Structures are given as C-alpha cells and as structure tokens.
Amino acid sequence: MEETAEELYFGRLDSAAAQRFQAHLRDCPKCRGINDGTVAMIEAIRGAAKHFERTKVAKGKGVVRSPMVNPAR
C-alpha cells in the first residue's frame, strides 16, 4: 500500500492505475489513512531537505554530520 501511495505521489502510476487507486482511497478509510501518512512523511522529508539545503548554503558550509549519526569512538 505504501509503495503504491509513493508511486501515486511521484506520478509514477499510469493514468488507469492512478484512477483505480484514487477510487479505492475514496471508499477505504484505512487505506486513505495510510496514504495520508505516507504523503505527510514524504512532504516532511522534502521540507527537511529543503531547510537543510537553505541552511547549508546560507552558512556557506558543506555537510554537517550529527554526532548521533556518526558517534565518536
């Protein structure tokens, strides 16, 4: 389900498949909730990436690694 939601979001479904999936979402509250969560996650990740890029460019710095991602040994 999540894969199909991602495919729909990114426009990778053909027209017929997109229409079938959208019709199913109208009739199935459970799948609609999963789809809404998938869309929210994608948009949050995209928003965070845009914020990171703006911050990185504004500060004139390259990639900053979080200590939680690569802890000191």
Protein backbone atom coordinates (compact mmCIF):
# COMPACT_ATOMS: atom_id res chain seq x y z
CA MET A 1 0.00 0.00 0.00
CA GLU A 2 2.73 2.47 0.97
CA GLU A 3 4.61 1.75 -2.26
CA THR A 4 1.52 2.49 -4.33
CA ALA A 5 0.94 5.70 -2.37
CA GLU A 6 4.53 6.75 -3.11
CA GLU A 7 4.13 5.89 -6.78
CA LEU A 8 0.95 7.99 -6.95
CA TYR A 9 2.61 10.91 -5.15
CA PHE A 10 5.57 10.96 -7.51
CA GLY A 11 3.38 10.48 -10.61
CA ARG A 12 4.79 7.07 -11.48
CA LEU A 13 1.44 5.30 -11.90
CA ASP A 14 -0.14 5.18 -15.32
CA SER A 15 -3.44 7.00 -15.62
CA ALA A 16 -5.63 3.90 -15.23
CA ALA A 17 -3.75 2.66 -12.16
CA ALA A 18 -3.85 6.12 -10.57
CA GLN A 19 -7.60 6.35 -11.15
CA ARG A 20 -8.18 2.87 -9.65
CA PHE A 21 -6.06 3.70 -6.61
CA GLN A 22 -7.75 7.06 -6.06
CA ALA A 23 -11.18 5.40 -6.34
CA HIS A 24 -10.11 2.83 -3.75
CA LEU A 25 -8.91 5.59 -1.43
CA ARG A 26 -12.32 7.27 -1.63
CA ASP A 27 -14.00 4.04 -0.47
CA CYS A 28 -11.46 2.73 2.06
CA PRO A 29 -10.79 4.84 5.16
CA LYS A 30 -7.98 2.52 6.33
CA CYS A 31 -6.02 2.87 3.08
CA ARG A 32 -6.82 6.59 2.93
CA GLY A 33 -5.22 6.95 6.36
CA ILE A 34 -2.15 5.03 5.24
CA ASN A 35 -1.94 7.16 2.11
CA ASP A 36 -2.27 10.37 4.12
CA GLY A 37 0.51 9.23 6.45
CA THR A 38 2.76 8.34 3.51
CA VAL A 39 2.17 11.73 1.88
CA ALA A 40 2.84 13.51 5.18
CA MET A 41 6.10 11.59 5.62
CA ILE A 42 7.29 12.37 2.08
CA GLU A 43 6.45 16.05 2.47
CA ALA A 44 8.17 16.23 5.86
CA ILE A 45 11.34 14.68 4.42
CA ARG A 46 11.25 17.03 1.42
CA GLY A 47 10.71 20.01 3.72
CA ALA A 48 13.58 18.99 5.96
CA ALA A 49 15.86 18.54 2.96
CA LYS A 50 14.95 21.99 1.61
CA HIS A 51 15.55 23.54 5.04
CA PHE A 52 18.89 21.78 5.31
CA GLU A 53 19.97 23.00 1.88
CA ARG A 54 18.94 26.60 2.64
CA THR A 55 20.75 26.49 5.97
CA LYS A 56 23.85 24.89 4.48
CA VAL A 57 24.00 27.42 1.65
CA ALA A 58 23.32 30.37 3.95
CA LYS A 59 26.15 29.36 6.28
CA GLY A 60 28.49 28.52 3.40
CA LYS A 61 29.19 25.11 4.85
CA GLY A 62 29.24 21.61 3.49
CA VAL A 63 27.55 18.63 5.02
CA VAL A 64 27.38 18.72 8.80
CA ARG A 65 27.30 15.34 10.48
CA SER A 66 25.24 14.81 13.56
CA PRO A 67 27.06 13.18 16.48
CA MET A 68 24.12 10.77 16.68
CA VAL A 69 24.69 9.60 13.09
CA ASN A 70 28.41 9.02 13.44
CA PRO A 71 29.23 8.90 17.17
CA ALA A 72 32.82 9.35 18.32
CA ARG A 73 34.59 6.11 19.05
